[in-house]
Each structure stands twice: as structure tokens, then as C-alpha cells.
């Protein structure tokens, strides 16, 4: 199984595996995650999720799994638009899930969306269970990218779709310069005032830079069993959307 640079980028040190460190990191920042997410993306994360969900309308999914669901934003948005019969979100961080469960209860959605702890590289669901699998800004955190994407393919029915959003670096030199200044200089300032774990927000640009985006990611999705993959780039290339059919 191939190794990818993003798997070697760790939030803290080399004393434990990536999954353990990612779990610790998100537990640490769970309370500040939603406002920091809005701030870091300048509010664009909501638009990106909406576009990914719109792409799934063509297959009218009745069962959806949201991998690396975090506090449940993608699961909530997908349920409101697509109205599936089953909506499950999994995440490695119990801290993030607790924030998500509180949100669901306040919104009256705790009886229609299930959030549970789970490992993206070893999904506890049978083959072909879901019509769609979504991942928003989580695949670069997988301990094994190939294993995680293969698991997503496994739990999808034939003809089902994976809708994957991931942060990316702009290719335009001017846009890339602005992006570098923002992620390496501005975001750390925000993090210093809003989060007790500033390392989490230096890990962010490091993991984005190491991620195999674009055609390399498309090739990997095809190797993991998908038959057709399309790519769209949003907001000057700062977000990439991969739509993969099994």
C-alpha cells in the first residue's frame, strides 16, 4: 500500500500514530472549531458544502454516511437538502461529536441524524450499505489515505457516490501568495486568541501542502475502486471537490 506525504504530517510529535494525535487535536479544539472554521474559510465552507450536496441530488440517496463528521455540519446540511431515510456521521473525536450532538438536540434533529465514534480506515458497516458517502475537510487527516478511501468505496453500493471536499493550495501564483500569507500569518494570529491549541492551526497548512490533490487524488480514487471521478475547484482553488462514482 502506497504512502503519502500527508500521512507523515502530524499535529504534535512522533511519539504516537497519526490517528491518536488527530483525535487528541480535535478533542482539544472542539469547543472553538465551528467559529474558527467560519473565520478561516471566510464563511465559504458553507457554500462549498452546499455545492457538494447539490451534486448528490442526481442519485437521490436514501442512506448517507458522513465520514470525519466533526460537529456534524455536513450531515445537518445534507439531511436538510436531501432528506435521506438514514443519516449517520462518524468521527474519531468524541469531543467533536459531543458538540455535534448538542447542536442536533438544539435543532430537533437528534432523532434523525446519528453521530457515533468511528475509525475512517476501518468502517464498522457492511459492504454496499450506503447510497452516498461524504467527507468535508477530513481525508487529509486519515492515518492511511488509501485504506480510508478503499473503505469508503467498500461501504458504497454500486452506482453510489462519494462527495469529498478538501482544502487545497491555489495554482495561480498571485492567489497562492495571498493564500500563503493568510494561512501562515493571519490564521495563527486568530488561533492565538481563539484556541488553546495553536499547533492545530499550524498543522492545517502543513497537511494541506502535503495532500495529493487534483489529478493525483483522482488517480488514487480510481485505484481504490471508483469508476468515474470529476474534480471542481472553488474560491480561487482553495477548496477542491472530488465526486466519485462506484
C-alpha atoms as a PDB file:
ATOM      1  CA  UNK A   1       0.000   0.000   0.000  1.00  0.00           C
ATOM      2  CA  UNK A   2       1.441   3.369  -1.051  1.00  0.00           C
ATOM      3  CA  UNK A   3       2.494   6.000   1.466  1.00  0.00           C
ATOM      4  CA  UNK A   4       1.531   9.663   1.069  1.00  0.00           C
ATOM      5  CA  UNK A   5       3.234  12.749   2.492  1.00  0.00           C
ATOM      6  CA  UNK A   6       0.081  13.874   4.305  1.00  0.00           C
ATOM      7  CA  UNK A   7       0.192  10.675   6.385  1.00  0.00           C
ATOM      8  CA  UNK A   8       3.569  11.788   7.787  1.00  0.00           C
ATOM      9  CA  UNK A   9       2.357  15.260   8.789  1.00  0.00           C
ATOM     10  CA  UNK A  10       1.492  15.050  12.476  1.00  0.00           C
ATOM     11  CA  UNK A  11      -0.191  17.572  14.779  1.00  0.00           C
ATOM     12  CA  UNK A  12       2.284  17.142  17.627  1.00  0.00           C
ATOM     13  CA  UNK A  13       5.274  14.763  17.648  1.00  0.00           C
ATOM     14  CA  UNK A  14       6.485  11.351  16.518  1.00  0.00           C
ATOM     15  CA  UNK A  15       5.687   9.553  19.771  1.00  0.00           C
ATOM     16  CA  UNK A  16       2.277   8.223  18.672  1.00  0.00           C
ATOM     17  CA  UNK A  17       0.355   7.423  15.493  1.00  0.00           C
ATOM     18  CA  UNK A  18      -1.474   9.988  13.382  1.00  0.00           C
ATOM     19  CA  UNK A  19      -4.966   8.781  14.314  1.00  0.00           C
ATOM     20  CA  UNK A  20      -4.224   9.147  18.032  1.00  0.00           C
ATOM     21  CA  UNK A  21      -2.789  12.624  17.555  1.00  0.00           C
ATOM     22  CA  UNK A  22      -5.648  13.784  15.321  1.00  0.00           C
ATOM     23  CA  UNK A  23      -8.134  12.551  17.934  1.00  0.00           C
ATOM     24  CA  UNK A  24      -6.309  14.490  20.656  1.00  0.00           C
ATOM     25  CA  UNK A  25      -6.095  17.620  18.497  1.00  0.00           C
ATOM     26  CA  UNK A  26      -9.803  17.708  17.704  1.00  0.00           C
ATOM     27  CA  UNK A  27     -10.732  16.932  21.299  1.00  0.00           C
ATOM     28  CA  UNK A  28      -8.636  19.968  22.271  1.00  0.00           C
ATOM     29  CA  UNK A  29     -10.223  22.384  19.798  1.00  0.00           C
ATOM     30  CA  UNK A  30     -13.795  21.025  19.708  1.00  0.00           C
ATOM     31  CA  UNK A  31     -15.270  23.995  21.557  1.00  0.00           C
ATOM     32  CA  UNK A  32     -13.681  26.529  19.194  1.00  0.00           C
ATOM     33  CA  UNK A  33     -13.901  24.504  15.974  1.00  0.00           C
ATOM     34  CA  UNK A  34     -17.089  25.938  14.473  1.00  0.00           C
ATOM     35  CA  UNK A  35     -16.240  29.659  14.870  1.00  0.00           C
ATOM     36  CA  UNK A  36     -12.653  29.054  13.754  1.00  0.00           C
ATOM     37  CA  UNK A  37     -13.914  27.143  10.701  1.00  0.00           C
ATOM     38  CA  UNK A  38     -16.145  30.061   9.694  1.00  0.00           C
ATOM     39  CA  UNK A  39     -13.327  32.523  10.249  1.00  0.00           C
ATOM     40  CA  UNK A  40     -10.588  30.554   8.468  1.00  0.00           C
ATOM     41  CA  UNK A  41     -12.704  29.941   5.370  1.00  0.00           C
ATOM     42  CA  UNK A  42     -14.198  33.455   5.481  1.00  0.00           C
ATOM     43  CA  UNK A  43     -17.604  31.762   5.561  1.00  0.00           C
ATOM     44  CA  UNK A  44     -17.011  29.891   2.295  1.00  0.00           C
ATOM     45  CA  UNK A  45     -17.184  26.452   3.947  1.00  0.00           C
ATOM     46  CA  UNK A  46     -20.997  26.641   3.941  1.00  0.00           C
ATOM     47  CA  UNK A  47     -21.076  27.392   0.213  1.00  0.00           C
ATOM     48  CA  UNK A  48     -18.650  24.552  -0.522  1.00  0.00           C
ATOM     49  CA  UNK A  49     -20.801  22.068   1.401  1.00  0.00           C
ATOM     50  CA  UNK A  50     -23.897  23.273  -0.416  1.00  0.00           C
ATOM     51  CA  UNK A  51     -22.272  22.658  -3.821  1.00  0.00           C
ATOM     52  CA  UNK A  52     -21.180  19.159  -2.810  1.00  0.00           C
ATOM     53  CA  UNK A  53     -24.674  18.327  -1.576  1.00  0.00           C
ATOM     54  CA  UNK A  54     -26.240  19.667  -4.779  1.00  0.00           C
ATOM     55  CA  UNK A  55     -24.096  17.197  -6.754  1.00  0.00           C
ATOM     56  CA  UNK A  56     -25.679  14.305  -4.830  1.00  0.00           C
ATOM     57  CA  UNK A  57     -29.230  15.251  -5.828  1.00  0.00           C
ATOM     58  CA  UNK A  58     -28.879  13.305  -9.080  1.00  0.00           C
ATOM     59  CA  UNK A  59     -28.680   9.970  -7.220  1.00  0.00           C
ATOM     60  CA  UNK A  60     -31.355  10.795  -4.574  1.00  0.00           C
ATOM     61  CA  UNK A  61     -29.504   8.991  -1.751  1.00  0.00           C
ATOM     62  CA  UNK A  62     -31.688   7.307   0.859  1.00  0.00           C
ATOM     63  CA  UNK A  63     -28.784   6.371   3.117  1.00  0.00           C
ATOM     64  CA  UNK A  64     -25.772   8.623   3.695  1.00  0.00           C
ATOM     65  CA  UNK A  65     -22.604   8.221   5.737  1.00  0.00           C
ATOM     66  CA  UNK A  66     -20.655  11.355   6.662  1.00  0.00           C
ATOM     67  CA  UNK A  67     -17.050  10.390   7.452  1.00  0.00           C
ATOM     68  CA  UNK A  68     -14.967  12.675   9.703  1.00  0.00           C
ATOM     69  CA  UNK A  69     -18.242  14.420  10.517  1.00  0.00           C
ATOM     70  CA  UNK A  70     -16.725  16.600  13.230  1.00  0.00           C
ATOM     71  CA  UNK A  71     -19.526  18.653  14.786  1.00  0.00           C
ATOM     72  CA  UNK A  72     -21.972  17.437  12.136  1.00  0.00           C
ATOM     73  CA  UNK A  73     -22.253  20.451   9.820  1.00  0.00           C
ATOM     74  CA  UNK A  74     -22.149  18.413   6.590  1.00  0.00           C
ATOM     75  CA  UNK A  75     -24.565  15.808   7.973  1.00  0.00           C
ATOM     76  CA  UNK A  76     -27.019  18.516   9.034  1.00  0.00           C
ATOM     77  CA  UNK A  77     -26.853  20.328   5.697  1.00  0.00           C
ATOM     78  CA  UNK A  78     -27.164  17.083   3.722  1.00  0.00           C
ATOM     79  CA  UNK A  79     -30.184  15.970   5.731  1.00  0.00           C
ATOM     80  CA  UNK A  80     -31.976  19.305   5.267  1.00  0.00           C
ATOM     81  CA  UNK A  81     -31.491  19.257   1.485  1.00  0.00           C
ATOM     82  CA  UNK A  82     -31.567  15.565   0.553  1.00  0.00           C
ATOM     83  CA  UNK A  83     -33.932  14.189   3.251  1.00  0.00           C
ATOM     84  CA  UNK A  84     -32.392  10.697   3.390  1.00  0.00           C
ATOM     85  CA  UNK A  85     -34.068   7.931   5.344  1.00  0.00           C
ATOM     86  CA  UNK A  86     -30.775   7.263   7.158  1.00  0.00           C
ATOM     87  CA  UNK A  87     -28.056   9.786   8.019  1.00  0.00           C
ATOM     88  CA  UNK A  88     -25.031   8.657  10.046  1.00  0.00           C
ATOM     89  CA  UNK A  89     -21.945  10.682  10.921  1.00  0.00           C
ATOM     90  CA  UNK A  90     -18.750   9.161  12.290  1.00  0.00           C
ATOM     91  CA  UNK A  91     -15.684  10.806  13.760  1.00  0.00           C
ATOM     92  CA  UNK A  92     -12.609   9.773  15.709  1.00  0.00           C
ATOM     93  CA  UNK A  93     -13.015  12.632  18.221  1.00  0.00           C
ATOM     94  CA  UNK A  94     -15.574  12.194  20.975  1.00  0.00           C
ATOM     95  CA  UNK A  95     -15.121  15.871  21.855  1.00  0.00           C
ATOM     96  CA  UNK A  96     -16.259  16.969  18.393  1.00  0.00           C
ATOM     97  CA  UNK A  97     -19.152  14.503  18.454  1.00  0.00           C
ATOM     98  CA  UNK A  98     -20.390  15.868  21.779  1.00  0.00           C
ATOM     99  CA  UNK A  99     -20.514  19.383  20.314  1.00  0.00           C
ATOM    100  CA  UNK A 100     -22.368  17.947  17.323  1.00  0.00           C
ATOM    101  CA  UNK A 101     -24.888  16.058  19.470  1.00  0.00           C
ATOM    102  CA  UNK A 102     -25.648  19.247  21.405  1.00  0.00           C
ATOM    103  CA  UNK A 103     -26.280  21.036  18.091  1.00  0.00           C
ATOM    104  CA  UNK A 104     -28.569  18.260  16.873  1.00  0.00           C
ATOM    105  CA  UNK A 105     -30.577  18.336  20.089  1.00  0.00           C
ATOM    106  CA  UNK A 106     -30.992  22.111  19.914  1.00  0.00           C
ATOM    107  CA  UNK A 107     -32.134  21.810  16.280  1.00  0.00           C
ATOM    108  CA  UNK A 108     -34.514  18.924  16.976  1.00  0.00           C
ATOM    109  CA  UNK A 109     -32.525  16.615  14.680  1.00  0.00           C
ATOM    110  CA  UNK A 110     -31.127  14.190  17.258  1.00  0.00           C
ATOM    111  CA  UNK A 111     -33.728  11.572  16.329  1.00  0.00           C
ATOM    112  CA  UNK A 112     -32.965  11.665  12.570  1.00  0.00           C
ATOM    113  CA  UNK A 113     -29.165  12.038  12.478  1.00  0.00           C
ATOM    114  CA  UNK A 114     -26.911   9.618  14.358  1.00  0.00           C
ATOM    115  CA  UNK A 115     -23.392  10.663  15.357  1.00  0.00           C
ATOM    116  CA  UNK A 116     -21.062   7.928  16.551  1.00  0.00           C
ATOM    117  CA  UNK A 117     -17.371   7.366  17.125  1.00  0.00           C
ATOM    118  CA  UNK A 118     -15.634   5.502  14.340  1.00  0.00           C
ATOM    119  CA  UNK A 119     -12.354   4.941  12.528  1.00  0.00           C
ATOM    120  CA  UNK A 120     -12.368   6.101   8.905  1.00  0.00           C
ATOM    121  CA  UNK A 121      -9.876   3.405   7.934  1.00  0.00           C
ATOM    122  CA  UNK A 122     -11.968   0.565   9.422  1.00  0.00           C
ATOM    123  CA  UNK A 123     -15.644   1.422   8.942  1.00  0.00           C
ATOM    124  CA  UNK A 124     -17.998  -0.748  11.001  1.00  0.00           C
ATOM    125  CA  UNK A 125     -20.617  -1.133   8.270  1.00  0.00           C
ATOM    126  CA  UNK A 126     -21.391  -3.894   5.819  1.00  0.00           C
ATOM    127  CA  UNK A 127     -20.443  -3.786   2.139  1.00  0.00           C
ATOM    128  CA  UNK A 128     -22.707  -1.650  -0.051  1.00  0.00           C
ATOM    129  CA  UNK A 129     -24.763  -0.225   2.818  1.00  0.00           C
ATOM    130  CA  UNK A 130     -24.846   3.431   1.711  1.00  0.00           C
ATOM    131  CA  UNK A 131     -26.017   5.298  -1.376  1.00  0.00           C
ATOM    132  CA  UNK A 132     -23.603   8.152  -0.675  1.00  0.00           C
ATOM    133  CA  UNK A 133     -20.591   8.888   1.494  1.00  0.00           C
ATOM    134  CA  UNK A 134     -19.486  12.442   2.219  1.00  0.00           C
ATOM    135  CA  UNK A 135     -16.260  13.810   3.675  1.00  0.00           C
ATOM    136  CA  UNK A 136     -15.630  17.506   4.306  1.00  0.00           C
ATOM    137  CA  UNK A 137     -12.052  18.569   5.048  1.00  0.00           C
ATOM    138  CA  UNK A 138     -11.177  15.249   6.660  1.00  0.00           C
ATOM    139  CA  UNK A 139      -9.370  12.964   4.213  1.00  0.00           C
ATOM    140  CA  UNK A 140      -6.006  14.664   4.725  1.00  0.00           C
ATOM    141  CA  UNK A 141      -6.282  13.600   8.393  1.00  0.00           C
ATOM    142  CA  UNK A 142      -6.615   9.879   7.568  1.00  0.00           C
ATOM    143  CA  UNK A 143      -3.814   7.777   9.014  1.00  0.00           C
ATOM    144  CA  UNK A 144      -3.864   5.790   5.770  1.00  0.00           C
ATOM    145  CA  UNK A 145      -5.347   7.671   2.828  1.00  0.00           C
ATOM    146  CA  UNK A 146      -5.580   4.624   0.558  1.00  0.00           C
ATOM    147  CA  UNK A 147      -7.175   2.482   3.258  1.00  0.00           C
ATOM    148  CA  UNK A 148      -9.702   5.182   4.138  1.00  0.00           C
ATOM    149  CA  UNK A 149     -10.759   5.751   0.522  1.00  0.00           C
ATOM    150  CA  UNK A 150     -10.981   1.987  -0.066  1.00  0.00           C
ATOM    151  CA  UNK A 151     -13.252   1.684   2.965  1.00  0.00           C
ATOM    152  CA  UNK A 152     -15.492   4.434   1.605  1.00  0.00           C
ATOM    153  CA  UNK A 153     -15.728   2.539  -1.672  1.00  0.00           C
ATOM    154  CA  UNK A 154     -16.483  -0.721   0.141  1.00  0.00           C
ATOM    155  CA  UNK A 155     -19.491   0.610   2.073  1.00  0.00           C
ATOM    156  CA  UNK A 156     -20.986   2.269  -1.024  1.00  0.00           C
ATOM    157  CA  UNK A 157     -23.498   0.423  -3.193  1.00  0.00           C
ATOM    158  CA  UNK A 158     -22.680   0.017  -6.880  1.00  0.00           C
ATOM    159  CA  UNK A 159     -23.607   3.297  -8.572  1.00  0.00           C
ATOM    160  CA  UNK A 160     -23.326   5.163  -5.273  1.00  0.00           C
ATOM    161  CA  UNK A 161     -21.244   8.321  -4.941  1.00  0.00           C
ATOM    162  CA  UNK A 162     -18.556   9.755  -2.703  1.00  0.00           C
ATOM    163  CA  UNK A 163     -18.603  13.545  -2.338  1.00  0.00           C
ATOM    164  CA  UNK A 164     -15.277  14.718  -0.932  1.00  0.00           C
ATOM    165  CA  UNK A 165     -14.327  18.299  -0.117  1.00  0.00           C
ATOM    166  CA  UNK A 166     -10.734  19.072   0.803  1.00  0.00           C
ATOM    167  CA  UNK A 167      -8.756  22.247   1.278  1.00  0.00           C
ATOM    168  CA  UNK A 168      -6.122  22.864  -1.374  1.00  0.00           C
ATOM    169  CA  UNK A 169      -3.499  25.346  -2.495  1.00  0.00           C
ATOM    170  CA  UNK A 170      -4.249  27.731  -5.406  1.00  0.00           C
ATOM    171  CA  UNK A 171      -2.231  27.134  -8.567  1.00  0.00           C
ATOM    172  CA  UNK A 172      -2.313  30.782  -9.707  1.00  0.00           C
ATOM    173  CA  UNK A 173       0.948  32.366  -8.386  1.00  0.00           C
ATOM    174  CA  UNK A 174      -0.759  35.545  -7.149  1.00  0.00           C
ATOM    175  CA  UNK A 175      -3.588  33.662  -5.459  1.00  0.00           C
ATOM    176  CA  UNK A 176      -1.058  31.218  -3.981  1.00  0.00           C
ATOM    177  CA  UNK A 177       0.959  34.084  -2.460  1.00  0.00           C
ATOM    178  CA  UNK A 178      -2.168  35.515  -0.856  1.00  0.00           C
ATOM    179  CA  UNK A 179      -3.124  32.069   0.415  1.00  0.00           C
ATOM    180  CA  UNK A 180       0.332  31.529   1.949  1.00  0.00           C
ATOM    181  CA  UNK A 181       0.206  34.866   3.750  1.00  0.00           C
ATOM    182  CA  UNK A 182      -3.285  34.134   5.059  1.00  0.00           C
ATOM    183  CA  UNK A 183      -2.655  30.563   6.253  1.00  0.00           C
ATOM    184  CA  UNK A 184       0.849  31.111   7.646  1.00  0.00           C
ATOM    185  CA  UNK A 185       0.472  34.596   9.126  1.00  0.00           C
ATOM    186  CA  UNK A 186      -3.180  35.552   9.640  1.00  0.00           C
ATOM    187  CA  UNK A 187      -4.713  32.241  10.789  1.00  0.00           C
ATOM    188  CA  UNK A 188      -2.085  31.717  13.545  1.00  0.00           C
ATOM    189  CA  UNK A 189      -2.990  35.151  14.948  1.00  0.00           C
ATOM    190  CA  UNK A 190      -6.690  34.219  15.044  1.00  0.00           C
ATOM    191  CA  UNK A 191      -5.803  30.864  16.621  1.00  0.00           C
ATOM    192  CA  UNK A 192      -3.725  32.510  19.342  1.00  0.00           C
ATOM    193  CA  UNK A 193      -6.760  34.438  20.565  1.00  0.00           C
ATOM    194  CA  UNK A 194      -9.470  31.833  19.968  1.00  0.00           C
ATOM    195  CA  UNK A 195      -7.887  28.448  20.658  1.00  0.00           C
ATOM    196  CA  UNK A 196      -5.883  26.864  23.451  1.00  0.00           C
ATOM    197  CA  UNK A 197      -4.170  24.576  20.924  1.00  0.00           C
ATOM    198  CA  UNK A 198      -2.369  26.784  18.417  1.00  0.00           C
ATOM    199  CA  UNK A 199      -0.428  23.807  16.984  1.00  0.00           C
ATOM    200  CA  UNK A 200      -3.691  22.596  15.443  1.00  0.00           C
ATOM    201  CA  UNK A 201      -3.701  25.641  13.179  1.00  0.00           C
ATOM    202  CA  UNK A 202      -0.086  25.312  12.081  1.00  0.00           C
ATOM    203  CA  UNK A 203      -0.812  21.653  11.301  1.00  0.00           C
ATOM    204  CA  UNK A 204      -3.566  22.860   8.930  1.00  0.00           C
ATOM    205  CA  UNK A 205      -1.388  24.458   6.192  1.00  0.00           C
ATOM    206  CA  UNK A 206       1.258  21.739   6.601  1.00  0.00           C
ATOM    207  CA  UNK A 207      -1.294  18.985   5.970  1.00  0.00           C
ATOM    208  CA  UNK A 208      -2.860  20.841   3.026  1.00  0.00           C
ATOM    209  CA  UNK A 209       0.530  21.311   1.365  1.00  0.00           C
ATOM    210  CA  UNK A 210       1.324  17.592   1.751  1.00  0.00           C
ATOM    211  CA  UNK A 211      -2.011  16.342   0.399  1.00  0.00           C
ATOM    212  CA  UNK A 212      -2.052  14.646  -3.064  1.00  0.00           C
ATOM    213  CA  UNK A 213      -4.617  16.915  -4.677  1.00  0.00           C
ATOM    214  CA  UNK A 214      -6.009  17.213  -8.179  1.00  0.00           C
ATOM    215  CA  UNK A 215      -5.068  14.540 -10.714  1.00  0.00           C
ATOM    216  CA  UNK A 216      -3.030  12.614  -8.142  1.00  0.00           C
ATOM    217  CA  UNK A 217      -6.069  12.339  -5.885  1.00  0.00           C
ATOM    218  CA  UNK A 218      -8.227  11.361  -8.875  1.00  0.00           C
ATOM    219  CA  UNK A 219      -5.785   8.568  -9.751  1.00  0.00           C
ATOM    220  CA  UNK A 220      -5.876   7.298  -6.172  1.00  0.00           C
ATOM    221  CA  UNK A 221      -9.689   7.258  -6.102  1.00  0.00           C
ATOM    222  CA  UNK A 222      -9.715   5.189  -9.299  1.00  0.00           C
ATOM    223  CA  UNK A 223      -7.156   2.802  -7.793  1.00  0.00           C
ATOM    224  CA  UNK A 224      -9.427   2.441  -4.745  1.00  0.00           C
ATOM    225  CA  UNK A 225     -12.273   1.105  -6.892  1.00  0.00           C
ATOM    226  CA  UNK A 226     -14.180   4.120  -8.175  1.00  0.00           C
ATOM    227  CA  UNK A 227     -15.093   4.072 -11.859  1.00  0.00           C
ATOM    228  CA  UNK A 228     -15.522   7.782 -12.569  1.00  0.00           C
ATOM    229  CA  UNK A 229     -14.084  10.833 -10.804  1.00  0.00           C
ATOM    230  CA  UNK A 230     -14.675  14.510 -11.525  1.00  0.00           C
ATOM    231  CA  UNK A 231     -12.860  17.453  -9.928  1.00  0.00           C
ATOM    232  CA  UNK A 232     -14.017  21.010  -9.296  1.00  0.00           C
ATOM    233  CA  UNK A 233     -12.037  23.798  -7.644  1.00  0.00           C
ATOM    234  CA  UNK A 234     -13.757  26.514  -5.632  1.00  0.00           C
ATOM    235  CA  UNK A 235     -12.778  30.002  -4.424  1.00  0.00           C
ATOM    236  CA  UNK A 236      -9.534  30.552  -6.356  1.00  0.00           C
ATOM    237  CA  UNK A 237      -8.522  26.922  -5.815  1.00  0.00           C
ATOM    238  CA  UNK A 238      -8.567  26.971  -2.009  1.00  0.00           C
ATOM    239  CA  UNK A 239     -11.038  24.063  -1.949  1.00  0.00           C
ATOM    240  CA  UNK A 240     -11.210  21.009  -4.224  1.00  0.00           C
ATOM    241  CA  UNK A 241     -14.313  18.894  -4.711  1.00  0.00           C
ATOM    242  CA  UNK A 242     -13.991  15.246  -5.793  1.00  0.00           C
ATOM    243  CA  UNK A 243     -17.142  13.477  -6.956  1.00  0.00           C
ATOM    244  CA  UNK A 244     -16.509   9.761  -7.364  1.00  0.00           C
ATOM    245  CA  UNK A 245     -18.915   7.086  -8.614  1.00  0.00           C
ATOM    246  CA  UNK A 246     -18.545   3.434  -7.617  1.00  0.00           C
END
